[in-house]
């Protein structure tokens, strides 16, 4: 858990002023960011493909790229929230 002192120190290092309400909000936002980073780290560790203790590239060569926008509607149809042609995501900061 992020302490108020940590937020105040970060604000000082960033040379910004943060009142008590902003400090609480920033602590909540930073914890959400750190939680997301932890999820990404877990995925990266679980999904790393190794062969003979050497990492290999699991991506294909992009020799024949598809037409721009051909999959846009299909992809946007499965997102939880969207705004027109854009995916809506949680505000981070």
PDB file of N, CA and C in Angstrom:
ATOM      1  N   UNK A   1       0.844  -1.181   0.000  1.00  0.00           N
ATOM      2  CA  UNK A   1       0.000   0.000   0.000  1.00  0.00           C
ATOM      3  C   UNK A   1       0.894   1.251   0.000  1.00  0.00           C
ATOM      4  N   UNK A   2       0.484   2.228  -0.761  1.00  0.00           N
ATOM      5  CA  UNK A   2       1.228   3.477  -0.881  1.00  0.00           C
ATOM      6  C   UNK A   2       0.874   4.377   0.307  1.00  0.00           C
ATOM      7  N   UNK A   3       1.902   4.926   0.951  1.00  0.00           N
ATOM      8  CA  UNK A   3       1.685   5.818   2.089  1.00  0.00           C
ATOM      9  C   UNK A   3       1.608   7.265   1.614  1.00  0.00           C
ATOM     10  N   UNK A   4       0.976   8.106   2.448  1.00  0.00           N
ATOM     11  CA  UNK A   4       0.896   9.532   2.119  1.00  0.00           C
ATOM     12  C   UNK A   4       2.280  10.153   2.006  1.00  0.00           C
ATOM     13  N   UNK A   5       3.208   9.691   2.829  1.00  0.00           N
ATOM     14  CA  UNK A   5       4.560  10.224   2.793  1.00  0.00           C
ATOM     15  C   UNK A   5       5.221   9.935   1.445  1.00  0.00           C
ATOM     16  N   UNK A   6       4.934   8.735   0.894  1.00  0.00           N
ATOM     17  CA  UNK A   6       5.495   8.380  -0.415  1.00  0.00           C
ATOM     18  C   UNK A   6       4.952   9.297  -1.503  1.00  0.00           C
ATOM     19  N   UNK A   7       3.666   9.586  -1.440  1.00  0.00           N
ATOM     20  CA  UNK A   7       3.045  10.470  -2.432  1.00  0.00           C
ATOM     21  C   UNK A   7       3.620  11.881  -2.305  1.00  0.00           C
ATOM     22  N   UNK A   8       3.788  12.338  -1.077  1.00  0.00           N
ATOM     23  CA  UNK A   8       4.352  13.674  -0.870  1.00  0.00           C
ATOM     24  C   UNK A   8       5.785  13.744  -1.400  1.00  0.00           C
ATOM     25  N   UNK A   9       6.557  12.677  -1.200  1.00  0.00           N
ATOM     26  CA  UNK A   9       7.934  12.640  -1.697  1.00  0.00           C
ATOM     27  C   UNK A   9       7.936  12.637  -3.226  1.00  0.00           C
ATOM     28  N   UNK A  10       7.042  11.845  -3.840  1.00  0.00           N
ATOM     29  CA  UNK A  10       6.944  11.827  -5.301  1.00  0.00           C
ATOM     30  C   UNK A  10       6.535  13.193  -5.846  1.00  0.00           C
ATOM     31  N   UNK A  11       5.598  13.840  -5.166  1.00  0.00           N
ATOM     32  CA  UNK A  11       5.164  15.173  -5.589  1.00  0.00           C
ATOM     33  C   UNK A  11       6.328  16.159  -5.493  1.00  0.00           C
ATOM     34  N   UNK A  12       7.106  16.034  -4.434  1.00  0.00           N
ATOM     35  CA  UNK A  12       8.265  16.914  -4.271  1.00  0.00           C
ATOM     36  C   UNK A  12       9.289  16.672  -5.381  1.00  0.00           C
ATOM     37  N   UNK A  13       9.541  15.404  -5.697  1.00  0.00           N
ATOM     38  CA  UNK A  13      10.487  15.076  -6.764  1.00  0.00           C
ATOM     39  C   UNK A  13       9.995  15.549  -8.131  1.00  0.00           C
ATOM     40  N   UNK A  14       8.668  15.506  -8.322  1.00  0.00           N
ATOM     41  CA  UNK A  14       8.085  15.955  -9.590  1.00  0.00           C
ATOM     42  C   UNK A  14       7.871  17.461  -9.608  1.00  0.00           C
ATOM     43  N   UNK A  15       8.140  18.086  -8.476  1.00  0.00           N
ATOM     44  CA  UNK A  15       7.979  19.538  -8.323  1.00  0.00           C
ATOM     45  C   UNK A  15       6.551  19.981  -8.595  1.00  0.00           C
ATOM     46  N   UNK A  16       5.625  19.241  -7.996  1.00  0.00           N
ATOM     47  CA  UNK A  16       4.212  19.625  -8.070  1.00  0.00           C
ATOM     48  C   UNK A  16       3.678  19.750  -6.651  1.00  0.00           C
ATOM     49  N   UNK A  17       2.651  20.539  -6.494  1.00  0.00           N
ATOM     50  CA  UNK A  17       1.996  20.665  -5.203  1.00  0.00           C
ATOM     51  C   UNK A  17       0.761  19.778  -5.201  1.00  0.00           C
ATOM     52  N   UNK A  18       0.573  19.066  -4.121  1.00  0.00           N
ATOM     53  CA  UNK A  18      -0.583  18.181  -4.006  1.00  0.00           C
ATOM     54  C   UNK A  18      -1.203  18.383  -2.631  1.00  0.00           C
ATOM     55  N   UNK A  19      -2.474  18.801  -2.605  1.00  0.00           N
ATOM     56  CA  UNK A  19      -3.156  18.952  -1.325  1.00  0.00           C
ATOM     57  C   UNK A  19      -3.605  17.576  -0.828  1.00  0.00           C
ATOM     58  N   UNK A  20      -4.276  17.553   0.308  1.00  0.00           N
ATOM     59  CA  UNK A  20      -4.668  16.293   0.940  1.00  0.00           C
ATOM     60  C   UNK A  20      -5.581  15.460   0.034  1.00  0.00           C
ATOM     61  N   UNK A  21      -6.529  16.096  -0.613  1.00  0.00           N
ATOM     62  CA  UNK A  21      -7.469  15.387  -1.497  1.00  0.00           C
ATOM     63  C   UNK A  21      -6.738  14.811  -2.715  1.00  0.00           C
ATOM     64  N   UNK A  22      -5.842  15.603  -3.289  1.00  0.00           N
ATOM     65  CA  UNK A  22      -5.071  15.138  -4.442  1.00  0.00           C
ATOM     66  C   UNK A  22      -4.130  14.003  -4.055  1.00  0.00           C
ATOM     67  N   UNK A  23      -3.594  14.067  -2.844  1.00  0.00           N
ATOM     68  CA  UNK A  23      -2.707  13.013  -2.362  1.00  0.00           C
ATOM     69  C   UNK A  23      -3.447  11.690  -2.280  1.00  0.00           C
ATOM     70  N   UNK A  24      -4.657  11.718  -1.751  1.00  0.00           N
ATOM     71  CA  UNK A  24      -5.468  10.494  -1.666  1.00  0.00           C
ATOM     72  C   UNK A  24      -5.786   9.963  -3.056  1.00  0.00           C
ATOM     73  N   UNK A  25      -6.148  10.851  -3.967  1.00  0.00           N
ATOM     74  CA  UNK A  25      -6.470  10.454  -5.334  1.00  0.00           C
ATOM     75  C   UNK A  25      -5.250   9.869  -6.040  1.00  0.00           C
ATOM     76  N   UNK A  26      -4.101  10.517  -5.868  1.00  0.00           N
ATOM     77  CA  UNK A  26      -2.875  10.016  -6.482  1.00  0.00           C
ATOM     78  C   UNK A  26      -2.483   8.656  -5.911  1.00  0.00           C
ATOM     79  N   UNK A  27      -2.664   8.466  -4.617  1.00  0.00           N
ATOM     80  CA  UNK A  27      -2.340   7.173  -4.003  1.00  0.00           C
ATOM     81  C   UNK A  27      -3.200   6.075  -4.617  1.00  0.00           C
ATOM     82  N   UNK A  28      -4.466   6.359  -4.787  1.00  0.00           N
ATOM     83  CA  UNK A  28      -5.387   5.385  -5.390  1.00  0.00           C
ATOM     84  C   UNK A  28      -4.974   5.081  -6.833  1.00  0.00           C
ATOM     85  N   UNK A  29      -4.641   6.129  -7.597  1.00  0.00           N
ATOM     86  CA  UNK A  29      -4.240   5.950  -8.993  1.00  0.00           C
ATOM     87  C   UNK A  29      -2.929   5.168  -9.103  1.00  0.00           C
ATOM     88  N   UNK A  30      -1.964   5.488  -8.254  1.00  0.00           N
ATOM     89  CA  UNK A  30      -0.674   4.805  -8.302  1.00  0.00           C
ATOM     90  C   UNK A  30      -0.829   3.337  -7.935  1.00  0.00           C
ATOM     91  N   UNK A  31      -1.677   3.041  -6.959  1.00  0.00           N
ATOM     92  CA  UNK A  31      -1.916   1.643  -6.605  1.00  0.00           C
ATOM     93  C   UNK A  31      -2.552   0.891  -7.764  1.00  0.00           C
ATOM     94  N   UNK A  32      -3.462   1.538  -8.485  1.00  0.00           N
ATOM     95  CA  UNK A  32      -4.089   0.904  -9.648  1.00  0.00           C
ATOM     96  C   UNK A  32      -3.048   0.644 -10.734  1.00  0.00           C
ATOM     97  N   UNK A  33      -2.158   1.603 -10.944  1.00  0.00           N
ATOM     98  CA  UNK A  33      -1.101   1.443 -11.951  1.00  0.00           C
ATOM     99  C   UNK A  33      -0.169   0.297 -11.553  1.00  0.00           C
ATOM    100  N   UNK A  34       0.236   0.264 -10.295  1.00  0.00           N
ATOM    101  CA  UNK A  34       1.124  -0.798  -9.841  1.00  0.00           C
ATOM    102  C   UNK A  34       0.450  -2.167  -9.923  1.00  0.00           C
ATOM    103  N   UNK A  35      -0.849  -2.224  -9.672  1.00  0.00           N
ATOM    104  CA  UNK A  35      -1.588  -3.475  -9.825  1.00  0.00           C
ATOM    105  C   UNK A  35      -1.596  -3.933 -11.267  1.00  0.00           C
ATOM    106  N   UNK A  36      -1.773  -2.992 -12.180  1.00  0.00           N
ATOM    107  CA  UNK A  36      -1.758  -3.316 -13.606  1.00  0.00           C
ATOM    108  C   UNK A  36      -0.368  -3.799 -14.035  1.00  0.00           C
ATOM    109  N   UNK A  37       0.672  -3.119 -13.566  1.00  0.00           N
ATOM    110  CA  UNK A  37       2.037  -3.530 -13.890  1.00  0.00           C
ATOM    111  C   UNK A  37       2.292  -4.941 -13.372  1.00  0.00           C
ATOM    112  N   UNK A  38       1.799  -5.257 -12.197  1.00  0.00           N
ATOM    113  CA  UNK A  38       1.963  -6.604 -11.637  1.00  0.00           C
ATOM    114  C   UNK A  38       1.279  -7.639 -12.520  1.00  0.00           C
ATOM    115  N   UNK A  39       0.088  -7.324 -13.030  1.00  0.00           N
ATOM    116  CA  UNK A  39      -0.616  -8.235 -13.940  1.00  0.00           C
ATOM    117  C   UNK A  39       0.202  -8.462 -15.205  1.00  0.00           C
ATOM    118  N   UNK A  40       0.763  -7.400 -15.755  1.00  0.00           N
ATOM    119  CA  UNK A  40       1.566  -7.513 -16.974  1.00  0.00           C
ATOM    120  C   UNK A  40       2.806  -8.359 -16.703  1.00  0.00           C
ATOM    121  N   UNK A  41       3.450  -8.151 -15.569  1.00  0.00           N
ATOM    122  CA  UNK A  41       4.631  -8.939 -15.233  1.00  0.00           C
ATOM    123  C   UNK A  41       4.283 -10.416 -15.104  1.00  0.00           C
ATOM    124  N   UNK A  42       3.138 -10.722 -14.499  1.00  0.00           N
ATOM    125  CA  UNK A  42       2.710 -12.112 -14.353  1.00  0.00           C
ATOM    126  C   UNK A  42       2.476 -12.752 -15.711  1.00  0.00           C
ATOM    127  N   UNK A  43       1.848 -12.021 -16.618  1.00  0.00           N
ATOM    128  CA  UNK A  43       1.589 -12.545 -17.952  1.00  0.00           C
ATOM    129  C   UNK A  43       2.900 -12.776 -18.694  1.00  0.00           C
ATOM    130  N   UNK A  44       3.821 -11.816 -18.600  1.00  0.00           N
ATOM    131  CA  UNK A  44       5.095 -11.950 -19.293  1.00  0.00           C
ATOM    132  C   UNK A  44       5.873 -13.160 -18.802  1.00  0.00           C
ATOM    133  N   UNK A  45       5.830 -13.414 -17.510  1.00  0.00           N
ATOM    134  CA  UNK A  45       6.552 -14.551 -16.948  1.00  0.00           C
ATOM    135  C   UNK A  45       5.889 -15.850 -17.396  1.00  0.00           C
ATOM    136  N   UNK A  46       4.566 -15.918 -17.389  1.00  0.00           N
ATOM    137  CA  UNK A  46       3.846 -17.139 -17.738  1.00  0.00           C
ATOM    138  C   UNK A  46       3.912 -17.447 -19.227  1.00  0.00           C
ATOM    139  N   UNK A  47       3.903 -16.427 -20.071  1.00  0.00           N
ATOM    140  CA  UNK A  47       3.811 -16.636 -21.511  1.00  0.00           C
ATOM    141  C   UNK A  47       5.149 -16.608 -22.243  1.00  0.00           C
ATOM    142  N   UNK A  48       6.243 -16.516 -21.531  1.00  0.00           N
ATOM    143  CA  UNK A  48       7.548 -16.519 -22.187  1.00  0.00           C
ATOM    144  C   UNK A  48       7.821 -17.923 -22.712  1.00  0.00           C
ATOM    145  N   UNK A  49       8.136 -17.993 -23.985  1.00  0.00           N
ATOM    146  CA  UNK A  49       8.415 -19.281 -24.611  1.00  0.00           C
ATOM    147  C   UNK A  49       9.918 -19.496 -24.605  1.00  0.00           C
ATOM    148  N   UNK A  50      10.342 -20.631 -24.068  1.00  0.00           N
ATOM    149  CA  UNK A  50      11.762 -20.923 -24.001  1.00  0.00           C
ATOM    150  C   UNK A  50      12.037 -22.278 -24.652  1.00  0.00           C
ATOM    151  N   UNK A  51      13.187 -22.333 -25.300  1.00  0.00           N
ATOM    152  CA  UNK A  51      13.624 -23.577 -25.910  1.00  0.00           C
ATOM    153  C   UNK A  51      15.119 -23.689 -25.667  1.00  0.00           C
ATOM    154  N   UNK A  52      15.516 -24.741 -25.009  1.00  0.00           N
ATOM    155  CA  UNK A  52      16.923 -24.927 -24.678  1.00  0.00           C
ATOM    156  C   UNK A  52      17.489 -23.720 -23.939  1.00  0.00           C
ATOM    157  N   UNK A  53      16.732 -23.178 -23.023  1.00  0.00           N
ATOM    158  CA  UNK A  53      17.128 -22.032 -22.200  1.00  0.00           C
ATOM    159  C   UNK A  53      17.427 -20.773 -23.007  1.00  0.00           C
ATOM    160  N   UNK A  54      16.962 -20.709 -24.242  1.00  0.00           N
ATOM    161  CA  UNK A  54      17.151 -19.506 -25.050  1.00  0.00           C
ATOM    162  C   UNK A  54      15.773 -19.009 -25.491  1.00  0.00           C
ATOM    163  N   UNK A  55      15.557 -17.728 -25.402  1.00  0.00           N
ATOM    164  CA  UNK A  55      14.291 -17.161 -25.846  1.00  0.00           C
ATOM    165  C   UNK A  55      14.212 -17.216 -27.365  1.00  0.00           C
ATOM    166  N   UNK A  56      13.025 -17.512 -27.855  1.00  0.00           N
ATOM    167  CA  UNK A  56      12.826 -17.522 -29.297  1.00  0.00           C
ATOM    168  C   UNK A  56      11.716 -16.552 -29.645  1.00  0.00           C
ATOM    169  N   UNK A  57      11.740 -16.054 -30.846  1.00  0.00           N
ATOM    170  CA  UNK A  57      10.718 -15.129 -31.319  1.00  0.00           C
ATOM    171  C   UNK A  57       9.502 -15.942 -31.762  1.00  0.00           C
ATOM    172  N   UNK A  58       8.342 -15.675 -31.143  1.00  0.00           N
ATOM    173  CA  UNK A  58       7.142 -16.431 -31.480  1.00  0.00           C
ATOM    174  C   UNK A  58       6.261 -15.687 -32.469  1.00  0.00           C
ATOM    175  N   UNK A  59       6.716 -14.544 -32.961  1.00  0.00           N
ATOM    176  CA  UNK A  59       5.935 -13.756 -33.895  1.00  0.00           C
ATOM    177  C   UNK A  59       6.329 -14.087 -35.322  1.00  0.00           C
ATOM    178  N   UNK A  60       5.396 -13.990 -36.209  1.00  0.00           N
ATOM    179  CA  UNK A  60       5.660 -14.253 -37.624  1.00  0.00           C
ATOM    180  C   UNK A  60       6.236 -13.006 -38.288  1.00  0.00           C
ATOM    181  N   UNK A  61       6.854 -13.197 -39.411  1.00  0.00           N
ATOM    182  CA  UNK A  61       7.305 -12.077 -40.213  1.00  0.00           C
ATOM    183  C   UNK A  61       6.079 -11.394 -40.799  1.00  0.00           C
ATOM    184  N   UNK A  62       6.089 -10.096 -40.861  1.00  0.00           N
ATOM    185  CA  UNK A  62       4.946  -9.352 -41.380  1.00  0.00           C
ATOM    186  C   UNK A  62       5.169  -9.031 -42.857  1.00  0.00           C
ATOM    187  N   UNK A  63       5.313 -10.098 -43.659  1.00  0.00           N
ATOM    188  CA  UNK A  63       5.628  -9.932 -45.068  1.00  0.00           C
ATOM    189  C   UNK A  63       4.423  -9.464 -45.880  1.00  0.00           C
ATOM    190  N   UNK A  64       3.230  -9.934 -45.555  1.00  0.00           N
ATOM    191  CA  UNK A  64       2.026  -9.570 -46.299  1.00  0.00           C
ATOM    192  C   UNK A  64       1.026  -8.902 -45.365  1.00  0.00           C
ATOM    193  N   UNK A  65       1.228  -7.623 -45.046  1.00  0.00           N
ATOM    194  CA  UNK A  65       0.298  -6.954 -44.132  1.00  0.00           C
ATOM    195  C   UNK A  65      -1.098  -6.862 -44.747  1.00  0.00           C
ATOM    196  N   UNK A  66      -2.086  -6.955 -43.886  1.00  0.00           N
ATOM    197  CA  UNK A  66      -3.469  -6.882 -44.358  1.00  0.00           C
ATOM    198  C   UNK A  66      -3.865  -5.430 -44.635  1.00  0.00           C
ATOM    199  N   UNK A  67      -4.966  -5.288 -45.307  1.00  0.00           N
ATOM    200  CA  UNK A  67      -5.494  -3.960 -45.643  1.00  0.00           C
ATOM    201  C   UNK A  67      -5.849  -3.202 -44.366  1.00  0.00           C
ATOM    202  N   UNK A  68      -5.516  -1.934 -44.306  1.00  0.00           N
ATOM    203  CA  UNK A  68      -5.781  -1.120 -43.127  1.00  0.00           C
ATOM    204  C   UNK A  68      -7.275  -1.043 -42.837  1.00  0.00           C
ATOM    205  N   UNK A  69      -7.659  -1.299 -41.588  1.00  0.00           N
ATOM    206  CA  UNK A  69      -9.047  -1.177 -41.147  1.00  0.00           C
ATOM    207  C   UNK A  69      -9.915  -2.376 -41.439  1.00  0.00           C
ATOM    208  N   UNK A  70      -9.380  -3.441 -42.008  1.00  0.00           N
ATOM    209  CA  UNK A  70     -10.189  -4.585 -42.406  1.00  0.00           C
ATOM    210  C   UNK A  70     -10.786  -5.317 -41.195  1.00  0.00           C
ATOM    211  N   UNK A  71     -10.104  -5.290 -40.060  1.00  0.00           N
ATOM    212  CA  UNK A  71     -10.572  -6.001 -38.871  1.00  0.00           C
ATOM    213  C   UNK A  71     -11.122  -5.076 -37.792  1.00  0.00           C
ATOM    214  N   UNK A  72     -11.211  -3.793 -38.055  1.00  0.00           N
ATOM    215  CA  UNK A  72     -11.611  -2.814 -37.049  1.00  0.00           C
ATOM    216  C   UNK A  72     -12.973  -3.134 -36.450  1.00  0.00           C
ATOM    217  N   UNK A  73     -13.985  -3.363 -37.276  1.00  0.00           N
ATOM    218  CA  UNK A  73     -15.331  -3.629 -36.757  1.00  0.00           C
ATOM    219  C   UNK A  73     -15.383  -4.908 -35.929  1.00  0.00           C
ATOM    220  N   UNK A  74     -14.697  -5.931 -36.374  1.00  0.00           N
ATOM    221  CA  UNK A  74     -14.684  -7.195 -35.638  1.00  0.00           C
ATOM    222  C   UNK A  74     -14.028  -7.025 -34.273  1.00  0.00           C
ATOM    223  N   UNK A  75     -12.919  -6.295 -34.232  1.00  0.00           N
ATOM    224  CA  UNK A  75     -12.229  -6.074 -32.963  1.00  0.00           C
ATOM    225  C   UNK A  75     -13.045  -5.195 -32.017  1.00  0.00           C
ATOM    226  N   UNK A  76     -13.637  -4.133 -32.541  1.00  0.00           N
ATOM    227  CA  UNK A  76     -14.411  -3.221 -31.697  1.00  0.00           C
ATOM    228  C   UNK A  76     -15.698  -3.860 -31.192  1.00  0.00           C
ATOM    229  N   UNK A  77     -16.179  -4.892 -31.861  1.00  0.00           N
ATOM    230  CA  UNK A  77     -17.421  -5.534 -31.426  1.00  0.00           C
ATOM    231  C   UNK A  77     -17.245  -6.333 -30.134  1.00  0.00           C
ATOM    232  N   UNK A  78     -16.001  -6.646 -29.755  1.00  0.00           N
ATOM    233  CA  UNK A  78     -15.768  -7.448 -28.557  1.00  0.00           C
ATOM    234  C   UNK A  78     -15.190  -6.666 -27.384  1.00  0.00           C
ATOM    235  N   UNK A  79     -14.952  -5.360 -27.555  1.00  0.00           N
ATOM    236  CA  UNK A  79     -14.407  -4.582 -26.439  1.00  0.00           C
ATOM    237  C   UNK A  79     -15.522  -4.229 -25.460  1.00  0.00           C
ATOM    238  N   UNK A  80     -15.194  -4.118 -24.165  1.00  0.00           N
ATOM    239  CA  UNK A  80     -16.230  -3.809 -23.168  1.00  0.00           C
ATOM    240  C   UNK A  80     -16.876  -2.446 -23.366  1.00  0.00           C
ATOM    241  N   UNK A  81     -16.074  -1.434 -23.668  1.00  0.00           N
ATOM    242  CA  UNK A  81     -16.601  -0.080 -23.863  1.00  0.00           C
ATOM    243  C   UNK A  81     -15.905   0.568 -25.034  1.00  0.00           C
ATOM    244  N   UNK A  82     -16.672   1.341 -25.805  1.00  0.00           N
ATOM    245  CA  UNK A  82     -16.075   2.053 -26.922  1.00  0.00           C
ATOM    246  C   UNK A  82     -16.795   3.361 -27.155  1.00  0.00           C
ATOM    247  N   UNK A  83     -16.117   4.248 -27.833  1.00  0.00           N
ATOM    248  CA  UNK A  83     -16.659   5.549 -28.197  1.00  0.00           C
ATOM    249  C   UNK A  83     -16.398   5.726 -29.688  1.00  0.00           C
ATOM    250  N   UNK A  84     -17.379   5.381 -30.499  1.00  0.00           N
ATOM    251  CA  UNK A  84     -17.195   5.422 -31.946  1.00  0.00           C
ATOM    252  C   UNK A  84     -16.181   4.382 -32.364  1.00  0.00           C
ATOM    253  N   UNK A  85     -15.108   4.804 -32.995  1.00  0.00           N
ATOM    254  CA  UNK A  85     -14.055   3.897 -33.446  1.00  0.00           C
ATOM    255  C   UNK A  85     -12.912   3.771 -32.445  1.00  0.00           C
ATOM    256  N   UNK A  86     -13.125   4.231 -31.212  1.00  0.00           N
ATOM    257  CA  UNK A  86     -12.084   4.209 -30.211  1.00  0.00           C
ATOM    258  C   UNK A  86     -12.471   3.290 -29.057  1.00  0.00           C
ATOM    259  N   UNK A  87     -11.486   2.629 -28.463  1.00  0.00           N
ATOM    260  CA  UNK A  87     -11.690   1.800 -27.293  1.00  0.00           C
ATOM    261  C   UNK A  87     -11.591   2.697 -26.069  1.00  0.00           C
ATOM    262  N   UNK A  88     -12.590   2.628 -25.169  1.00  0.00           N
ATOM    263  CA  UNK A  88     -12.552   3.416 -23.935  1.00  0.00           C
ATOM    264  C   UNK A  88     -11.817   2.602 -22.890  1.00  0.00           C
ATOM    265  N   UNK A  89     -10.859   3.249 -22.204  1.00  0.00           N
ATOM    266  CA  UNK A  89     -10.100   2.598 -21.152  1.00  0.00           C
ATOM    267  C   UNK A  89     -10.184   3.419 -19.876  1.00  0.00           C
ATOM    268  N   UNK A  90      -9.791   2.804 -18.783  1.00  0.00           N
ATOM    269  CA  UNK A  90      -9.810   3.463 -17.482  1.00  0.00           C
ATOM    270  C   UNK A  90      -8.775   4.593 -17.450  1.00  0.00           C
ATOM    271  N   UNK A  91      -9.168   5.722 -16.888  1.00  0.00           N
ATOM    272  CA  UNK A  91      -8.253   6.847 -16.734  1.00  0.00           C
ATOM    273  C   UNK A  91      -7.152   6.454 -15.767  1.00  0.00           C
ATOM    274  N   UNK A  92      -5.911   6.710 -16.149  1.00  0.00           N
ATOM    275  CA  UNK A  92      -4.782   6.351 -15.288  1.00  0.00           C
ATOM    276  C   UNK A  92      -4.332   7.543 -14.478  1.00  0.00           C
ATOM    277  N   UNK A  93      -4.097   8.656 -15.093  1.00  0.00           N
ATOM    278  CA  UNK A  93      -3.691   9.839 -14.357  1.00  0.00           C
ATOM    279  C   UNK A  93      -4.469  11.024 -14.856  1.00  0.00           C
TER     280      UNK A  93
END
